[in-house]
Protein backbone atom coordinates (compact mmCIF):
# COMPACT_ATOMS: atom_id res chain seq x y z
CA MET A 1 57.58 105.46 103.31
CA PRO A 2 59.45 104.11 100.59
CA PHE A 3 63.18 105.42 100.56
CA THR A 4 64.81 106.91 97.67
CA PHE A 5 68.50 106.19 97.22
CA LYS A 6 70.29 108.33 99.82
CA LEU A 7 73.49 108.41 97.53
CA SER A 8 72.66 111.17 94.86
CA LYS A 9 74.81 112.47 92.07
CA ARG A 10 76.20 114.95 94.45
CA ILE A 11 77.40 112.27 96.75
CA ALA A 12 78.72 110.32 93.99
CA ARG A 13 80.83 113.44 92.78
CA ILE A 14 81.97 113.92 96.62
CA ARG A 15 83.07 109.98 96.63
CA ARG A 16 84.91 110.81 93.33
CA VAL A 17 87.33 112.91 95.02
CA ALA A 18 87.64 111.43 98.43
CA LEU A 19 91.13 109.95 98.89
CA MET A 20 91.22 106.23 98.54
CA LEU A 21 93.98 104.22 99.86
CA PRO A 22 95.14 100.56 99.68
CA VAL A 23 95.88 100.52 103.49
CA ALA A 24 95.20 101.82 106.74
CA ALA A 25 96.33 105.39 106.44
CA ALA A 26 95.08 109.04 106.31
CA PHE A 27 91.98 110.06 104.37
CA ALA A 28 91.43 113.48 102.97
CA CYS A 29 88.23 114.38 104.91
CA VAL A 30 86.86 117.28 107.16
CA ALA A 31 85.35 117.23 110.54
CA GLY A 32 81.63 116.62 110.71
CA ASP A 33 78.43 115.61 112.90
CA GLN A 34 78.40 114.43 116.38
CA SER A 35 79.14 110.80 117.24
CA ILE A 36 76.17 108.24 116.70
CA ASN A 37 75.31 105.97 120.01
CA ASP A 38 75.66 102.44 119.52
CA PRO A 39 72.05 100.62 119.65
CA ALA A 40 73.50 97.84 121.94
CA GLN A 41 76.35 97.18 124.48
CA ALA A 42 78.87 94.32 124.53
CA SER A 43 77.31 91.56 126.61
CA SER A 44 79.54 88.59 126.54
CA LEU A 45 83.14 87.78 126.49
CA ILE A 46 83.17 85.43 123.49
CA THR A 47 80.81 85.73 120.39
CA ILE A 48 81.95 83.51 117.39
CA SER A 49 80.23 83.51 114.00
CA ALA A 50 81.19 80.00 112.91
CA ALA A 51 80.61 78.56 109.66
CA PRO A 52 77.34 76.50 109.49
CA THR A 53 77.70 72.83 109.21
CA ALA A 54 74.76 72.90 106.52
CA SER A 55 73.01 75.39 104.22
CA VAL A 56 69.51 76.77 104.97
CA GLU A 57 67.89 78.44 102.34
CA LEU A 58 66.71 82.02 103.41
CA LEU A 59 65.10 83.03 100.05
CA ARG A 60 64.76 82.31 96.52
CA ASP A 61 63.42 83.94 93.61
CA ASP A 62 63.59 82.38 90.04
CA PHE A 63 61.51 85.58 88.81
CA GLU A 64 59.02 83.40 86.91
CA ASP A 65 55.91 85.68 87.45
CA ALA A 66 55.34 89.43 88.59
CA GLY A 67 54.02 88.86 91.93
CA PHE A 68 56.91 90.41 93.76
CA GLY A 69 54.92 91.61 96.59
CA ALA A 70 53.30 88.25 97.18
CA ARG A 71 56.75 86.82 97.55
CA GLY A 72 57.75 89.52 100.06
CA TRP A 73 59.41 92.00 98.10
CA TYR A 74 58.85 95.81 98.93
CA ASP A 75 59.95 99.25 98.54
CA PHE A 76 60.00 99.08 94.79
CA ALA A 77 58.59 102.34 92.90
CA SER A 78 56.84 99.87 90.19
CA THR A 79 56.68 96.33 89.70
CA PRO A 80 60.14 95.09 88.59
CA THR A 81 60.34 94.22 84.96
CA LEU A 82 60.38 90.73 83.93
CA THR A 83 61.54 89.44 80.47
CA ASP A 84 60.99 86.27 78.41
CA THR A 85 63.47 87.07 76.01
CA THR A 86 66.81 85.99 77.55
CA HIS A 87 67.06 83.78 80.39
CA ILE A 88 68.90 81.03 81.85
CA ALA A 89 68.34 77.33 80.34
CA GLY A 90 65.42 75.59 82.28
CA SER A 91 63.90 79.30 82.87
CA THR A 92 60.92 81.21 81.27
CA HIS A 93 61.74 84.78 82.53
CA ALA A 94 64.27 86.69 84.09
CA LEU A 95 64.51 90.00 85.86
CA GLU A 96 65.30 92.86 83.80
CA VAL A 97 67.49 96.00 84.92
CA ARG A 98 67.46 98.52 82.15
CA PHE A 99 69.74 101.93 82.74
CA ARG A 100 68.43 104.56 80.28
CA ALA A 101 71.30 107.14 79.38
CA GLY A 102 71.42 109.32 82.31
CA ALA A 103 69.30 107.34 84.63
CA THR A 104 70.63 106.47 88.12
CA THR A 105 68.29 103.50 88.72
CA PRO A 106 65.85 101.35 86.55
CA SER A 107 62.40 102.41 86.23
CA TRP A 108 61.45 100.10 89.38
CA GLY A 109 64.09 101.64 91.58
CA LEU A 110 64.97 99.03 94.14
CA ALA A 111 63.39 96.03 95.95
CA ARG A 112 64.01 94.71 99.38
CA ARG A 113 63.16 91.50 101.05
CA LEU A 114 63.67 90.37 104.70
CA PHE A 115 65.05 86.98 105.92
CA PRO A 116 65.65 85.48 108.93
CA SER A 117 68.78 87.00 111.11
CA SER A 118 71.89 85.13 110.20
CA PRO A 119 75.49 85.60 111.14
CA THR A 120 76.58 84.22 107.63
CA VAL A 121 75.10 84.67 104.23
CA TYR A 122 75.44 83.04 100.84
CA VAL A 123 74.20 84.57 97.71
CA SER A 124 73.96 82.97 94.04
CA TYR A 125 72.59 84.07 90.98
CA TRP A 126 73.12 84.33 87.18
CA VAL A 127 73.74 87.37 85.63
CA LYS A 128 74.43 88.91 81.91
CA TYR A 129 75.25 92.22 80.66
CA SER A 130 74.10 93.93 77.20
CA PRO A 131 76.93 93.53 74.82
CA ASN A 132 77.43 97.58 75.03
CA TRP A 133 77.69 97.19 79.12
CA VAL A 134 80.34 99.76 80.71
CA GLY A 135 78.94 100.10 83.83
CA SER A 136 79.71 103.71 85.27
CA GLN A 137 82.74 104.31 83.54
CA GLN A 138 84.12 105.70 87.02
CA LEU A 139 86.19 103.52 89.64
CA TYR A 140 83.04 103.34 91.66
CA HIS A 141 79.62 101.80 90.94
CA PRO A 142 77.28 100.47 89.82
CA HIS A 143 75.94 99.10 92.77
CA GLU A 144 73.85 95.70 92.33
CA PHE A 145 73.11 93.97 95.56
CA GLN A 146 73.37 95.02 99.27
CA ILE A 147 72.81 93.21 102.33
CA MET A 148 71.64 94.96 105.47
CA SER A 149 71.55 94.21 109.20
CA ASP A 150 69.05 93.51 111.63
CA LEU A 151 69.79 96.63 113.69
CA ASP A 152 69.04 98.54 110.36
CA ASP A 153 65.45 99.58 109.87
CA ASP A 154 63.21 97.71 107.30
CA TYR A 155 63.55 101.05 105.08
CA SER A 156 66.80 102.35 106.46
CA ALA A 157 68.71 104.57 103.96
CA LEU A 158 71.13 102.56 101.90
CA ALA A 159 74.78 103.45 102.48
CA ASN A 160 73.83 104.89 106.00
CA GLY A 161 73.57 101.49 108.12
CA TRP A 162 75.02 99.82 110.91
CA MET A 163 76.39 96.93 108.63
CA GLU A 164 76.03 96.43 104.94
CA ALA A 165 77.73 94.28 102.39
CA TYR A 166 77.85 94.97 98.93
CA ILE A 167 78.15 92.42 95.85
CA GLU A 168 78.88 94.03 92.64
CA HIS A 169 81.59 94.77 90.04
CA ASN A 170 83.35 97.80 88.54
CA TYR A 171 83.88 97.66 84.67
CA GLN A 172 87.19 98.93 83.33
CA ASN A 173 87.43 97.45 80.00
CA GLY A 174 85.76 94.15 81.47
CA GLY A 175 84.29 93.43 84.83
CA ILE A 176 86.30 93.31 88.17
CA PRO A 177 84.43 91.69 90.97
CA ARG A 178 83.97 93.53 94.06
CA LEU A 179 82.72 93.10 97.56
CA SER A 180 82.37 95.95 99.89
CA ILE A 181 81.54 96.43 103.75
CA GLN A 182 79.86 99.57 105.15
CA ASP A 183 79.03 100.76 108.69
CA SER A 184 78.31 104.54 108.30
CA ARG A 185 76.08 104.74 111.20
CA ALA A 186 78.75 103.53 113.35
CA ILE A 187 81.41 106.19 112.81
CA ASN A 188 82.42 107.95 116.00
CA THR A 189 83.34 111.50 115.36
CA SER A 190 83.63 112.45 119.15
CA TYR A 191 87.40 112.06 119.19
CA GLY A 192 88.31 114.85 116.89
CA SER A 193 88.40 115.30 112.86
CA LEU A 194 88.04 112.34 110.57
CA PRO A 195 89.57 110.05 109.48
CA ARG A 196 90.83 108.96 113.10
CA ASN A 197 91.94 105.67 114.02
CA LEU A 198 90.42 104.40 117.11
CA ILE A 199 91.48 100.89 116.92
CA GLY A 200 92.80 99.93 120.35
CA ILE A 201 91.09 102.88 121.94
CA THR A 202 87.23 102.04 121.95
CA GLU A 203 85.02 99.62 120.42
CA ASP A 204 82.54 102.41 119.82
CA ARG A 205 83.78 103.06 116.29
CA SER A 206 83.38 102.08 112.63
CA ILE A 207 85.28 99.58 110.75
CA GLY A 208 84.74 100.77 107.16
CA GLY A 209 87.79 103.37 107.27
CA CYS A 210 86.77 106.62 108.92
CA ASN A 211 87.99 105.07 112.38
CA GLY A 212 90.58 102.82 111.26
CA LEU A 213 91.02 99.44 109.06
CA SER A 214 92.14 96.35 110.27
CA GLU A 215 92.72 95.03 107.09
CA THR A 216 95.68 95.54 104.34
CA TYR A 217 95.03 95.54 100.75
CA VAL A 218 91.45 97.17 100.61
CA VAL A 219 90.47 100.29 99.27
CA ALA A 220 88.61 102.55 101.75
CA SER A 221 86.74 105.88 101.71
CA CYS A 222 85.76 108.44 104.26
CA PHE A 223 83.73 111.58 103.43
CA SER A 224 81.18 113.84 104.74
CA PHE A 225 77.84 114.87 102.90
CA PRO A 226 76.80 115.27 105.72
CA PRO A 227 76.40 112.62 107.58
CA TRP A 228 79.72 111.07 107.45
CA TYR A 229 80.20 107.55 105.19
CA ASN A 230 82.83 105.18 104.99
CA ASP A 231 83.46 101.76 103.39
CA LYS A 232 86.15 99.30 102.26
CA GLU A 233 86.31 97.66 98.96
CA ILE A 234 87.69 94.31 98.23
CA SER A 235 88.24 93.66 94.59
CA ALA A 236 89.49 90.83 92.60
CA PRO A 237 93.00 91.18 91.05
CA GLN A 238 91.67 91.04 87.40
CA VAL A 239 88.88 91.32 84.90
CA TRP A 240 86.67 88.33 85.04
CA PHE A 241 83.64 89.60 82.91
CA LYS A 242 85.37 89.71 79.81
CA PRO A 243 84.61 92.35 77.17
CA THR A 244 84.83 90.22 74.18
CA PRO A 245 83.19 86.99 73.19
CA GLY A 246 84.55 83.81 74.66
CA PRO A 247 84.58 82.24 78.14
CA GLY A 248 83.46 84.53 80.59
CA TYR A 249 81.95 87.18 78.11
CA LYS A 250 80.08 89.81 79.92
CA SER A 251 76.89 89.05 77.54
CA ASN A 252 76.78 85.36 78.36
CA TRP A 253 75.03 84.06 81.26
CA ASN A 254 77.48 83.73 84.14
CA HIS A 255 77.18 82.40 87.53
CA VAL A 256 78.05 84.55 90.67
CA GLU A 257 78.37 83.28 94.23
CA ALA A 258 79.38 85.24 97.27
CA TYR A 259 79.76 84.45 101.10
CA PHE A 260 79.96 86.48 104.07
CA GLN A 261 80.83 85.28 107.78
CA ILE A 262 80.77 88.00 110.55
CA ASN A 263 83.92 88.24 112.57
CA SER A 264 84.04 86.83 116.07
CA ILE A 265 84.22 89.17 119.32
CA VAL A 266 86.72 87.85 122.10
CA ASN A 267 86.48 89.73 125.38
CA GLY A 268 84.46 92.40 123.83
CA ILE A 269 86.86 93.06 121.18
CA GLY A 270 86.10 92.67 117.41
CA GLN A 271 88.55 90.02 115.85
CA ALA A 272 89.63 90.43 111.98
CA ASP A 273 88.45 86.85 111.15
CA GLY A 274 85.39 87.48 109.15
CA VAL A 275 85.04 86.12 105.70
CA ALA A 276 84.21 87.63 102.33
CA GLN A 277 84.24 85.10 99.14
CA TYR A 278 83.60 85.58 95.43
CA TRP A 279 83.22 82.93 93.06
CA PHE A 280 82.91 83.51 89.21
CA ASN A 281 81.71 80.43 87.32
CA GLY A 282 82.81 78.40 90.01
CA THR A 283 86.19 79.82 90.42
CA PRO A 284 87.01 81.55 93.61
CA VAL A 285 88.42 84.95 92.74
CA ILE A 286 88.06 86.71 96.36
CA ASP A 287 88.88 84.81 99.13
CA ARG A 288 89.38 86.91 102.51
CA HIS A 289 89.50 85.51 106.01
CA ASP A 290 90.68 88.68 107.88
CA VAL A 291 87.63 91.12 107.45
CA MET A 292 85.85 93.11 110.19
CA PHE A 293 82.27 93.64 109.94
CA ARG A 294 81.53 94.42 113.31
CA THR A 295 83.22 95.85 116.77
CA GLY A 296 82.37 94.43 120.52
CA ALA A 297 79.90 97.39 120.62
CA ARG A 298 77.24 95.38 118.43
CA PRO A 299 78.01 91.78 119.29
CA THR A 300 74.60 90.58 118.23
CA ILE A 301 74.21 92.21 114.74
CA LYS A 302 73.42 89.78 112.05
CA PHE A 303 72.33 89.96 108.28
CA HIS A 304 68.59 90.49 107.68
CA GLN A 305 67.77 92.28 104.73
CA PHE A 306 68.52 91.60 100.93
CA VAL A 307 68.24 94.61 98.64
CA MET A 308 68.43 94.64 94.87
CA ALA A 309 69.44 98.12 94.47
CA PRO A 310 71.08 98.71 90.83
CA TYR A 311 72.57 102.13 90.99
CA ILE A 312 74.95 104.55 89.05
CA GLY A 313 75.32 107.71 91.01
CA ASP A 314 76.28 109.90 87.92
CA GLY A 315 73.90 108.47 85.72
CA SER A 316 74.51 105.79 83.11
CA PRO A 317 76.70 106.89 80.38
CA VAL A 318 74.86 104.77 77.79
CA ASP A 319 71.47 102.88 77.51
CA GLN A 320 72.63 99.62 78.94
CA THR A 321 70.81 96.63 80.58
CA MET A 322 71.87 93.57 83.08
CA TRP A 323 69.63 90.60 83.58
CA ILE A 324 69.53 88.41 86.78
CA ASP A 325 68.11 84.81 87.28
CA ASN A 326 67.68 82.38 89.75
CA LEU A 327 68.52 84.31 92.81
CA THR A 328 69.33 82.29 95.87
CA VAL A 329 70.05 83.47 99.57
CA ALA A 330 71.24 81.08 102.22
CA THR A 331 73.21 80.60 105.25
CA ALA A 332 76.12 78.77 103.51
CA PRO A 333 77.53 77.61 100.38
CA PRO A 334 76.43 74.39 98.99
CA ALA A 335 78.45 71.23 100.14
CA ALA A 336 80.15 71.31 96.51
CA ALA A 337 81.73 74.90 97.39
CA PRO A 338 82.96 74.30 100.92
CA VAL A 339 84.50 77.64 102.70
CA SER A 340 88.29 77.17 102.04
CA VAL A 341 91.23 77.51 104.66
CA PRO A 342 92.58 80.86 104.91
CA VAL A 343 96.04 81.90 103.84
CA ALA A 344 98.34 82.71 106.65
CA THR A 345 101.65 83.46 105.09
CA VAL A 346 102.85 83.80 101.50
CA THR A 347 106.60 82.54 101.06
CA VAL A 348 108.56 83.91 98.07
CA SER A 349 111.48 82.12 96.85
CA PRO A 350 114.17 82.91 96.19
CA ALA A 351 114.13 85.32 98.86
CA ALA A 352 116.91 87.36 97.04
CA ALA A 353 117.95 87.23 93.65
CA SER A 354 120.22 89.38 91.10
CA VAL A 355 119.83 90.06 87.37
CA SER A 356 121.56 92.30 84.89
CA VAL A 357 119.64 95.05 82.91
CA GLY A 358 117.42 93.05 80.37
CA GLN A 359 117.85 89.77 82.17
CA THR A 360 114.94 87.98 83.95
CA ALA A 361 114.66 85.71 87.06
CA GLN A 362 111.91 83.81 87.98
CA LEU A 363 110.21 84.11 91.49
CA THR A 364 107.79 81.69 93.12
CA ALA A 365 104.91 82.23 95.29
CA THR A 366 103.71 79.76 97.90
CA PRO A 367 100.54 80.66 100.09
CA ARG A 368 100.43 78.75 103.31
CA ASP A 369 98.07 77.92 106.04
CA SER A 370 98.38 78.60 109.73
CA SER A 371 100.45 75.32 110.16
CA GLY A 372 102.74 75.91 107.08
CA SER A 373 101.34 73.62 104.82
CA ALA A 374 101.25 74.94 101.15
CA LEU A 375 97.87 75.81 99.60
CA THR A 376 96.96 75.29 95.83
CA GLY A 377 94.65 77.09 93.63
CA ARG A 378 94.78 80.51 95.38
CA SER A 379 94.98 83.77 93.39
CA VAL A 380 98.38 85.85 93.72
CA THR A 381 99.29 89.45 92.75
CA TRP A 382 102.70 90.39 92.23
CA VAL A 383 103.92 93.93 92.58
CA SER A 384 107.24 95.81 92.27
CA SER A 385 108.27 98.38 94.52
CA GLN A 386 110.49 100.15 91.81
CA THR A 387 109.34 99.85 88.51
CA ALA A 388 111.95 101.77 86.95
CA VAL A 389 114.42 99.30 88.55
CA ALA A 390 112.52 95.99 88.03
CA THR A 391 109.31 95.09 86.67
CA VAL A 392 107.41 91.77 87.70
CA ASN A 393 104.53 90.16 85.57
CA ALA A 394 101.40 88.07 86.74
CA SER A 395 103.49 84.86 86.86
CA GLY A 396 106.42 86.22 88.96
CA LEU A 397 108.87 86.78 86.29
CA VAL A 398 111.15 89.60 87.25
CA THR A 399 112.89 91.81 84.46
CA GLY A 400 115.82 93.94 85.35
CA VAL A 401 115.33 97.43 83.94
CA ALA A 402 118.04 99.68 85.65
CA ALA A 403 120.81 99.25 88.16
CA GLY A 404 119.35 99.52 91.86
CA THR A 405 117.09 97.61 93.95
CA ALA A 406 113.71 96.77 94.16
CA THR A 407 111.45 94.54 96.50
CA ILE A 408 109.18 92.46 94.74
CA THR A 409 106.00 91.52 96.73
CA ALA A 410 103.45 88.54 96.35
CA MET A 411 99.95 88.94 97.84
CA SER A 412 97.32 86.25 98.40
CA GLU A 413 94.01 86.78 100.33
CA GLY A 414 95.33 89.75 102.35
CA GLN A 415 98.69 88.27 103.04
CA SER A 416 102.11 88.89 101.56
CA GLY A 417 105.67 87.67 101.16
CA SER A 418 108.53 89.45 99.40
CA ALA A 419 111.94 89.00 97.76
CA ALA A 420 114.87 91.58 97.21
CA VAL A 421 115.90 91.97 93.66
CA THR A 422 119.27 93.55 92.99
CA VAL A 423 119.96 94.77 89.20
CA ALA A 424 123.28 95.27 88.07
CA GLY A 425 123.98 97.67 85.27
């Protein structure tokens, strides 16, 4: 029977109070249900999800007619809404996703579509938001698109699968692109209360937070409704869907692309080498190559199901709309958007600096690949360990605030480098 959203308003409220941390640390959760058995056991020494040499289209929908069922979509409450009043150039219709005030979903609910199983998946679409778009007005939601695995049933409960990837944004005076990975059915509770780090102990575990994290600079949550849920979020360091007219304005048609590549498994152990990428109008804004999607307990798992699942758990704060056009799902980005070389290290120079109160010093961050070669065009985020002593802006300019020492860190694609700054009174 058709599935109604598992994440209700009550779950959304629980998630609001779940402790979220940017590194693998403790979570504020309580003990819950028994562990869930894995559907498959490790059967090979090495399983590698290599990037495909050519892109193969898995599904496409230009939303030109209302025959959703005939095109393979299913599980919608009513026929998804099409409009001819707004669409991209060369199109005549677009999909309309209207959240009435207080609604958690559009009138048609969600829509699923299966595609041939693949260890990699590339998604491309055009999206536009109404001028009054404010999202959920929370640090979570709205959900937009989800990709589920071939170990999940065709009607599996959303947010409670063996492997799910999310493509969405969170609106905080502008939309911040976000990719999330979730494997709630893989959570192992047999080792005691959660969260419990099982990395290095067993591959019969989740990778989303409740059983430990391999990545740094992600936000993870772990909570019991029951059952237990967990996920990890990778967000762009800044707003890209702009709140005011101009380039990137949220109410323009903007092109979004995302790519996921499942991590490899070596000697039955999952390796943190999966890929998660997001492009905004052709500009890479998320580019991670250190992501875990699976452990050695599920060596054959692949992506298999695409879900259009617009959802605001607490109800939409206003009557607002998003539109989607020219959706494509494939095995890889087109040749014009190749998978980039990952950042292996970040060098900050100078490694040490001294300034007086009120003075500035310029630091420079250089992302490098595994061979030490400098990489260009990579996003860098700067943070100060002691903002009461020294601050740093988005370009690495440090300003002395008060006498003392501070560590200035530059982060790029999950890697970081730092410099020691001394401020003289």
